[in-house]
């Protein structure tokens, strides 16, 4: 079972409407276009990483906390930045780093602990993943869309996300998941499962679905 916790840093208010600033008029057609742009941007992050992962048929399901033959306990690893360590994830190809994706990957870290290495080349570990809190990042973007829909475009949305991710006070969220390990050419690699995928993407798919439902209810039906 994945454990998740969030950490807010300082006063994080990029893109927030300032006191006295008029709230933008919600033009129905503009809102429709804005909503579509927002949903596309949500999908980009989730799909970019998922494309790089091995097919789901090759991804283990459930906990990796199982007994290993002739297992040995290994010391925990160090914090690794995802952008520089895609090779530590078995079967994962480096996804696109265009636009805000490169910034996101550079902010994601993961660390293995409680590693168990079996003599058959399989093992298990707990992995702690820390990412930017995309729920907070997209909340800022959604607020921007609502406040000024006339100026909301894919380009301005990307700039808003880049600004939020680059902010030193961008909130983070930390999740611990259990994974299997695999020995490849003498190196132990993480075998990604669904919990690990959700952790390194900050479960963006779920966030996207929530905003889609909110947009549909609050805007698209008007």
C-alpha atoms as a PDB file:
ATOM      1  CA  UNK A   1       0.000   0.000   0.000  1.00  0.00           C
ATOM      2  CA  UNK A   2       1.417   3.337  -0.990  1.00  0.00           C
ATOM      3  CA  UNK A   3       1.811   5.966   1.705  1.00  0.00           C
ATOM      4  CA  UNK A   4       1.610   9.612   0.680  1.00  0.00           C
ATOM      5  CA  UNK A   5       2.251  12.907   2.386  1.00  0.00           C
ATOM      6  CA  UNK A   6       2.516  16.476   1.177  1.00  0.00           C
ATOM      7  CA  UNK A   7       4.876  19.232   2.179  1.00  0.00           C
ATOM      8  CA  UNK A   8       4.182  22.907   1.557  1.00  0.00           C
ATOM      9  CA  UNK A   9       7.125  25.282   1.465  1.00  0.00           C
ATOM     10  CA  UNK A  10       6.763  28.937   2.393  1.00  0.00           C
ATOM     11  CA  UNK A  11       4.120  31.088   0.747  1.00  0.00           C
ATOM     12  CA  UNK A  12       3.467  29.518  -2.607  1.00  0.00           C
ATOM     13  CA  UNK A  13       1.276  31.849  -4.667  1.00  0.00           C
ATOM     14  CA  UNK A  14       2.513  31.921  -8.283  1.00  0.00           C
ATOM     15  CA  UNK A  15      -0.223  32.999 -10.667  1.00  0.00           C
ATOM     16  CA  UNK A  16      -2.590  33.981  -7.862  1.00  0.00           C
ATOM     17  CA  UNK A  17      -4.958  36.858  -8.607  1.00  0.00           C
ATOM     18  CA  UNK A  18      -3.927  39.886  -6.547  1.00  0.00           C
ATOM     19  CA  UNK A  19      -6.360  41.838  -4.310  1.00  0.00           C
ATOM     20  CA  UNK A  20      -8.369  44.352  -6.318  1.00  0.00           C
ATOM     21  CA  UNK A  21      -7.614  42.658  -9.619  1.00  0.00           C
ATOM     22  CA  UNK A  22     -10.907  42.120 -11.496  1.00  0.00           C
ATOM     23  CA  UNK A  23     -11.924  38.534 -12.110  1.00  0.00           C
ATOM     24  CA  UNK A  24     -12.076  37.685 -15.787  1.00  0.00           C
ATOM     25  CA  UNK A  25     -15.396  37.234 -17.513  1.00  0.00           C
ATOM     26  CA  UNK A  26     -16.204  33.625 -18.304  1.00  0.00           C
ATOM     27  CA  UNK A  27     -16.976  33.476 -22.000  1.00  0.00           C
ATOM     28  CA  UNK A  28     -18.545  30.051 -22.683  1.00  0.00           C
ATOM     29  CA  UNK A  29     -16.650  29.290 -25.928  1.00  0.00           C
ATOM     30  CA  UNK A  30     -13.366  30.511 -24.465  1.00  0.00           C
ATOM     31  CA  UNK A  31     -13.908  28.366 -21.373  1.00  0.00           C
ATOM     32  CA  UNK A  32     -14.533  25.334 -23.560  1.00  0.00           C
ATOM     33  CA  UNK A  33     -11.250  25.894 -25.384  1.00  0.00           C
ATOM     34  CA  UNK A  34      -9.444  26.641 -22.121  1.00  0.00           C
ATOM     35  CA  UNK A  35     -10.784  23.471 -20.548  1.00  0.00           C
ATOM     36  CA  UNK A  36      -9.591  21.432 -23.509  1.00  0.00           C
ATOM     37  CA  UNK A  37      -6.088  22.945 -23.236  1.00  0.00           C
ATOM     38  CA  UNK A  38      -6.007  22.193 -19.516  1.00  0.00           C
ATOM     39  CA  UNK A  39      -7.002  18.570 -20.009  1.00  0.00           C
ATOM     40  CA  UNK A  40      -4.391  18.116 -22.741  1.00  0.00           C
ATOM     41  CA  UNK A  41      -1.668  19.508 -20.473  1.00  0.00           C
ATOM     42  CA  UNK A  42      -2.711  17.107 -17.720  1.00  0.00           C
ATOM     43  CA  UNK A  43      -2.481  14.194 -20.134  1.00  0.00           C
ATOM     44  CA  UNK A  44       0.984  15.136 -21.403  1.00  0.00           C
ATOM     45  CA  UNK A  45       2.731  14.425 -18.101  1.00  0.00           C
ATOM     46  CA  UNK A  46       0.939  11.140 -17.430  1.00  0.00           C
ATOM     47  CA  UNK A  47       1.432   9.803 -20.961  1.00  0.00           C
ATOM     48  CA  UNK A  48       5.038  10.953 -21.338  1.00  0.00           C
ATOM     49  CA  UNK A  49       6.189   8.744 -18.480  1.00  0.00           C
ATOM     50  CA  UNK A  50       3.788   5.883 -19.183  1.00  0.00           C
ATOM     51  CA  UNK A  51       5.066   5.576 -22.759  1.00  0.00           C
ATOM     52  CA  UNK A  52       8.570   5.127 -21.378  1.00  0.00           C
ATOM     53  CA  UNK A  53       7.547   2.287 -19.056  1.00  0.00           C
ATOM     54  CA  UNK A  54       7.425  -1.363 -20.147  1.00  0.00           C
ATOM     55  CA  UNK A  55       4.051  -2.779 -21.273  1.00  0.00           C
ATOM     56  CA  UNK A  56       1.578  -3.327 -18.442  1.00  0.00           C
ATOM     57  CA  UNK A  57       1.717  -7.077 -19.092  1.00  0.00           C
ATOM     58  CA  UNK A  58       5.351  -6.977 -17.939  1.00  0.00           C
ATOM     59  CA  UNK A  59       4.691  -4.864 -14.857  1.00  0.00           C
ATOM     60  CA  UNK A  60       4.200  -6.743 -11.563  1.00  0.00           C
ATOM     61  CA  UNK A  61       0.956  -6.115  -9.727  1.00  0.00           C
ATOM     62  CA  UNK A  62       0.651  -5.653  -5.974  1.00  0.00           C
ATOM     63  CA  UNK A  63       3.212  -5.761  -3.188  1.00  0.00           C
ATOM     64  CA  UNK A  64       6.807  -6.812  -3.702  1.00  0.00           C
ATOM     65  CA  UNK A  65       7.116  -7.903  -0.078  1.00  0.00           C
ATOM     66  CA  UNK A  66       7.697 -11.582  -0.796  1.00  0.00           C
ATOM     67  CA  UNK A  67      10.337 -14.056   0.333  1.00  0.00           C
ATOM     68  CA  UNK A  68      13.383 -14.344  -1.926  1.00  0.00           C
ATOM     69  CA  UNK A  69      15.558 -17.473  -2.167  1.00  0.00           C
ATOM     70  CA  UNK A  70      18.906 -17.098  -0.382  1.00  0.00           C
ATOM     71  CA  UNK A  71      18.177 -13.407   0.059  1.00  0.00           C
ATOM     72  CA  UNK A  72      20.630 -10.836   1.360  1.00  0.00           C
ATOM     73  CA  UNK A  73      19.821  -7.454   2.880  1.00  0.00           C
ATOM     74  CA  UNK A  74      21.360  -4.408   1.212  1.00  0.00           C
ATOM     75  CA  UNK A  75      21.930  -0.950   2.611  1.00  0.00           C
ATOM     76  CA  UNK A  76      19.529   1.757   1.451  1.00  0.00           C
ATOM     77  CA  UNK A  77      20.528   3.830  -1.532  1.00  0.00           C
ATOM     78  CA  UNK A  78      20.822   7.563  -1.982  1.00  0.00           C
ATOM     79  CA  UNK A  79      18.381  10.127  -3.322  1.00  0.00           C
ATOM     80  CA  UNK A  80      18.373   9.948  -7.109  1.00  0.00           C
ATOM     81  CA  UNK A  81      17.018  12.594  -9.464  1.00  0.00           C
ATOM     82  CA  UNK A  82      14.698  10.964 -11.982  1.00  0.00           C
ATOM     83  CA  UNK A  83      15.999  13.115 -14.850  1.00  0.00           C
ATOM     84  CA  UNK A  84      19.484  11.618 -14.443  1.00  0.00           C
ATOM     85  CA  UNK A  85      18.551   8.065 -13.481  1.00  0.00           C
ATOM     86  CA  UNK A  86      15.951   6.664 -15.874  1.00  0.00           C
ATOM     87  CA  UNK A  87      18.383   3.775 -16.429  1.00  0.00           C
ATOM     88  CA  UNK A  88      17.806   2.569 -12.845  1.00  0.00           C
ATOM     89  CA  UNK A  89      14.237   1.639 -13.782  1.00  0.00           C
ATOM     90  CA  UNK A  90      14.074  -1.664 -15.634  1.00  0.00           C
ATOM     91  CA  UNK A  91      12.686  -1.422 -19.163  1.00  0.00           C
ATOM     92  CA  UNK A  92      12.092   2.330 -18.988  1.00  0.00           C
ATOM     93  CA  UNK A  93      13.061   4.539 -21.884  1.00  0.00           C
ATOM     94  CA  UNK A  94      13.762   8.206 -21.313  1.00  0.00           C
ATOM     95  CA  UNK A  95      10.537  10.075 -22.060  1.00  0.00           C
ATOM     96  CA  UNK A  96      10.221  13.458 -23.704  1.00  0.00           C
ATOM     97  CA  UNK A  97      11.747  16.366 -21.802  1.00  0.00           C
ATOM     98  CA  UNK A  98      10.103  19.086 -23.884  1.00  0.00           C
ATOM     99  CA  UNK A  99       8.341  22.041 -22.311  1.00  0.00           C
ATOM    100  CA  UNK A 100       7.741  21.745 -18.563  1.00  0.00           C
ATOM    101  CA  UNK A 101       8.442  17.996 -18.522  1.00  0.00           C
ATOM    102  CA  UNK A 102      12.197  18.467 -18.204  1.00  0.00           C
ATOM    103  CA  UNK A 103      11.679  20.767 -15.219  1.00  0.00           C
ATOM    104  CA  UNK A 104       9.334  18.235 -13.621  1.00  0.00           C
ATOM    105  CA  UNK A 105      11.736  15.304 -14.013  1.00  0.00           C
ATOM    106  CA  UNK A 106      14.586  17.348 -12.530  1.00  0.00           C
ATOM    107  CA  UNK A 107      12.453  17.897  -9.403  1.00  0.00           C
ATOM    108  CA  UNK A 108      11.517  14.229  -8.900  1.00  0.00           C
ATOM    109  CA  UNK A 109      13.734  12.167  -6.588  1.00  0.00           C
ATOM    110  CA  UNK A 110      13.565   8.545  -5.509  1.00  0.00           C
ATOM    111  CA  UNK A 111      15.434   6.505  -2.920  1.00  0.00           C
ATOM    112  CA  UNK A 112      15.420   2.745  -2.330  1.00  0.00           C
ATOM    113  CA  UNK A 113      15.545   1.257   1.171  1.00  0.00           C
ATOM    114  CA  UNK A 114      15.067  -2.133   2.819  1.00  0.00           C
ATOM    115  CA  UNK A 115      16.504  -3.784  -0.268  1.00  0.00           C
ATOM    116  CA  UNK A 116      16.444  -7.568  -0.423  1.00  0.00           C
ATOM    117  CA  UNK A 117      18.551  -9.268  -3.115  1.00  0.00           C
ATOM    118  CA  UNK A 118      17.867 -12.899  -4.013  1.00  0.00           C
ATOM    119  CA  UNK A 119      20.377 -15.281  -5.518  1.00  0.00           C
ATOM    120  CA  UNK A 120      18.009 -15.829  -8.443  1.00  0.00           C
ATOM    121  CA  UNK A 121      18.409 -12.221  -9.585  1.00  0.00           C
ATOM    122  CA  UNK A 122      15.135 -10.975  -8.142  1.00  0.00           C
ATOM    123  CA  UNK A 123      14.509  -8.881  -5.067  1.00  0.00           C
ATOM    124  CA  UNK A 124      12.362  -6.267  -3.411  1.00  0.00           C
ATOM    125  CA  UNK A 125      12.651  -2.799  -1.923  1.00  0.00           C
ATOM    126  CA  UNK A 126      10.739   0.134  -0.530  1.00  0.00           C
ATOM    127  CA  UNK A 127      11.118   3.258  -2.648  1.00  0.00           C
ATOM    128  CA  UNK A 128      10.467   6.779  -1.387  1.00  0.00           C
ATOM    129  CA  UNK A 129       9.466   9.127  -4.210  1.00  0.00           C
ATOM    130  CA  UNK A 130       9.253  12.901  -3.850  1.00  0.00           C
ATOM    131  CA  UNK A 131       7.677  14.982  -6.606  1.00  0.00           C
ATOM    132  CA  UNK A 132       6.283  18.472  -7.098  1.00  0.00           C
ATOM    133  CA  UNK A 133       2.716  18.539  -5.805  1.00  0.00           C
ATOM    134  CA  UNK A 134       0.938  18.581  -9.169  1.00  0.00           C
ATOM    135  CA  UNK A 135      -2.440  18.978  -7.484  1.00  0.00           C
ATOM    136  CA  UNK A 136      -1.245  22.362  -6.197  1.00  0.00           C
ATOM    137  CA  UNK A 137       0.424  23.243  -9.515  1.00  0.00           C
ATOM    138  CA  UNK A 138      -2.704  22.508 -11.526  1.00  0.00           C
ATOM    139  CA  UNK A 139      -4.902  24.247  -8.945  1.00  0.00           C
ATOM    140  CA  UNK A 140      -2.920  27.410  -9.687  1.00  0.00           C
ATOM    141  CA  UNK A 141      -3.367  26.815 -13.416  1.00  0.00           C
ATOM    142  CA  UNK A 142      -7.093  26.184 -13.051  1.00  0.00           C
ATOM    143  CA  UNK A 143      -7.462  29.383 -11.028  1.00  0.00           C
ATOM    144  CA  UNK A 144      -5.675  31.266 -13.808  1.00  0.00           C
ATOM    145  CA  UNK A 145      -8.059  29.742 -16.367  1.00  0.00           C
ATOM    146  CA  UNK A 146     -11.090  30.819 -14.353  1.00  0.00           C
ATOM    147  CA  UNK A 147      -9.803  34.320 -13.606  1.00  0.00           C
ATOM    148  CA  UNK A 148      -8.721  35.218 -17.122  1.00  0.00           C
ATOM    149  CA  UNK A 149     -10.092  32.749 -19.693  1.00  0.00           C
ATOM    150  CA  UNK A 150      -9.648  35.212 -22.564  1.00  0.00           C
ATOM    151  CA  UNK A 151      -5.854  35.021 -22.263  1.00  0.00           C
ATOM    152  CA  UNK A 152      -5.707  31.286 -21.518  1.00  0.00           C
ATOM    153  CA  UNK A 153      -3.918  29.404 -24.294  1.00  0.00           C
ATOM    154  CA  UNK A 154      -1.733  26.322 -24.441  1.00  0.00           C
ATOM    155  CA  UNK A 155       1.305  28.616 -24.504  1.00  0.00           C
ATOM    156  CA  UNK A 156       0.314  30.699 -21.472  1.00  0.00           C
ATOM    157  CA  UNK A 157      -0.690  27.544 -19.616  1.00  0.00           C
ATOM    158  CA  UNK A 158       2.730  25.985 -20.217  1.00  0.00           C
ATOM    159  CA  UNK A 159       4.432  29.139 -18.978  1.00  0.00           C
ATOM    160  CA  UNK A 160       2.241  29.076 -15.864  1.00  0.00           C
ATOM    161  CA  UNK A 161       3.238  25.476 -15.144  1.00  0.00           C
ATOM    162  CA  UNK A 162       6.924  26.208 -15.770  1.00  0.00           C
ATOM    163  CA  UNK A 163       6.763  29.129 -13.360  1.00  0.00           C
ATOM    164  CA  UNK A 164       5.112  27.025 -10.663  1.00  0.00           C
ATOM    165  CA  UNK A 165       7.544  24.112 -11.025  1.00  0.00           C
ATOM    166  CA  UNK A 166      10.583  26.401 -11.068  1.00  0.00           C
ATOM    167  CA  UNK A 167       9.506  28.192  -7.903  1.00  0.00           C
ATOM    168  CA  UNK A 168      11.759  27.270  -4.968  1.00  0.00           C
ATOM    169  CA  UNK A 169       8.675  27.160  -2.741  1.00  0.00           C
ATOM    170  CA  UNK A 170       6.701  24.799  -4.966  1.00  0.00           C
ATOM    171  CA  UNK A 171       4.995  22.287  -2.634  1.00  0.00           C
ATOM    172  CA  UNK A 172       6.128  18.672  -2.805  1.00  0.00           C
ATOM    173  CA  UNK A 173       4.525  15.368  -2.001  1.00  0.00           C
ATOM    174  CA  UNK A 174       6.284  12.201  -0.844  1.00  0.00           C
ATOM    175  CA  UNK A 175       5.042   8.659  -1.406  1.00  0.00           C
ATOM    176  CA  UNK A 176       6.518   5.317  -0.305  1.00  0.00           C
ATOM    177  CA  UNK A 177       5.815   2.265  -2.440  1.00  0.00           C
ATOM    178  CA  UNK A 178       6.953  -1.358  -2.531  1.00  0.00           C
ATOM    179  CA  UNK A 179       8.581  -2.608  -5.726  1.00  0.00           C
ATOM    180  CA  UNK A 180      10.323  -5.651  -7.100  1.00  0.00           C
ATOM    181  CA  UNK A 181      13.989  -5.530  -8.072  1.00  0.00           C
ATOM    182  CA  UNK A 182      15.763  -7.230 -10.951  1.00  0.00           C
ATOM    183  CA  UNK A 183      19.466  -7.823 -11.437  1.00  0.00           C
ATOM    184  CA  UNK A 184      20.577  -6.737 -14.905  1.00  0.00           C
ATOM    185  CA  UNK A 185      24.270  -7.048 -15.840  1.00  0.00           C
ATOM    186  CA  UNK A 186      25.261  -6.954 -12.171  1.00  0.00           C
ATOM    187  CA  UNK A 187      23.110  -3.895 -11.388  1.00  0.00           C
ATOM    188  CA  UNK A 188      19.905  -4.006  -9.347  1.00  0.00           C
ATOM    189  CA  UNK A 189      17.088  -2.121 -11.040  1.00  0.00           C
ATOM    190  CA  UNK A 190      13.585  -1.142  -9.997  1.00  0.00           C
ATOM    191  CA  UNK A 191      10.843  -3.121 -11.727  1.00  0.00           C
ATOM    192  CA  UNK A 192       8.074  -0.507 -12.037  1.00  0.00           C
ATOM    193  CA  UNK A 193       4.542  -1.373 -10.974  1.00  0.00           C
ATOM    194  CA  UNK A 194       1.350   0.687 -10.948  1.00  0.00           C
ATOM    195  CA  UNK A 195       2.071   2.222  -7.515  1.00  0.00           C
ATOM    196  CA  UNK A 196       5.530   3.324  -8.667  1.00  0.00           C
ATOM    197  CA  UNK A 197       4.106   4.835 -11.860  1.00  0.00           C
ATOM    198  CA  UNK A 198       1.511   6.779  -9.874  1.00  0.00           C
ATOM    199  CA  UNK A 199       4.199   7.988  -7.465  1.00  0.00           C
ATOM    200  CA  UNK A 200       6.619   9.363 -10.077  1.00  0.00           C
ATOM    201  CA  UNK A 201       3.774  11.096 -11.947  1.00  0.00           C
ATOM    202  CA  UNK A 202       2.168  12.388  -8.723  1.00  0.00           C
ATOM    203  CA  UNK A 203      -0.876  10.349  -9.822  1.00  0.00           C
ATOM    204  CA  UNK A 204      -1.591  12.926 -12.506  1.00  0.00           C
ATOM    205  CA  UNK A 205      -4.193  10.715 -14.185  1.00  0.00           C
ATOM    206  CA  UNK A 206      -6.401  10.816 -11.090  1.00  0.00           C
ATOM    207  CA  UNK A 207      -5.931  14.578 -10.749  1.00  0.00           C
ATOM    208  CA  UNK A 208      -6.829  14.995 -14.428  1.00  0.00           C
ATOM    209  CA  UNK A 209     -10.038  13.000 -14.030  1.00  0.00           C
ATOM    210  CA  UNK A 210     -11.019  15.116 -11.030  1.00  0.00           C
ATOM    211  CA  UNK A 211     -10.535  18.373 -12.896  1.00  0.00           C
ATOM    212  CA  UNK A 212     -12.343  17.030 -15.962  1.00  0.00           C
ATOM    213  CA  UNK A 213     -15.368  16.258 -13.778  1.00  0.00           C
ATOM    214  CA  UNK A 214     -15.114  19.677 -12.101  1.00  0.00           C
ATOM    215  CA  UNK A 215     -14.836  21.515 -15.419  1.00  0.00           C
ATOM    216  CA  UNK A 216     -17.760  19.541 -16.824  1.00  0.00           C
ATOM    217  CA  UNK A 217     -19.942  20.347 -13.828  1.00  0.00           C
ATOM    218  CA  UNK A 218     -18.933  23.965 -13.221  1.00  0.00           C
ATOM    219  CA  UNK A 219     -18.299  25.254 -16.738  1.00  0.00           C
ATOM    220  CA  UNK A 220     -19.222  23.074 -19.685  1.00  0.00           C
ATOM    221  CA  UNK A 221     -22.865  22.604 -18.684  1.00  0.00           C
ATOM    222  CA  UNK A 222     -23.507  26.345 -18.397  1.00  0.00           C
END
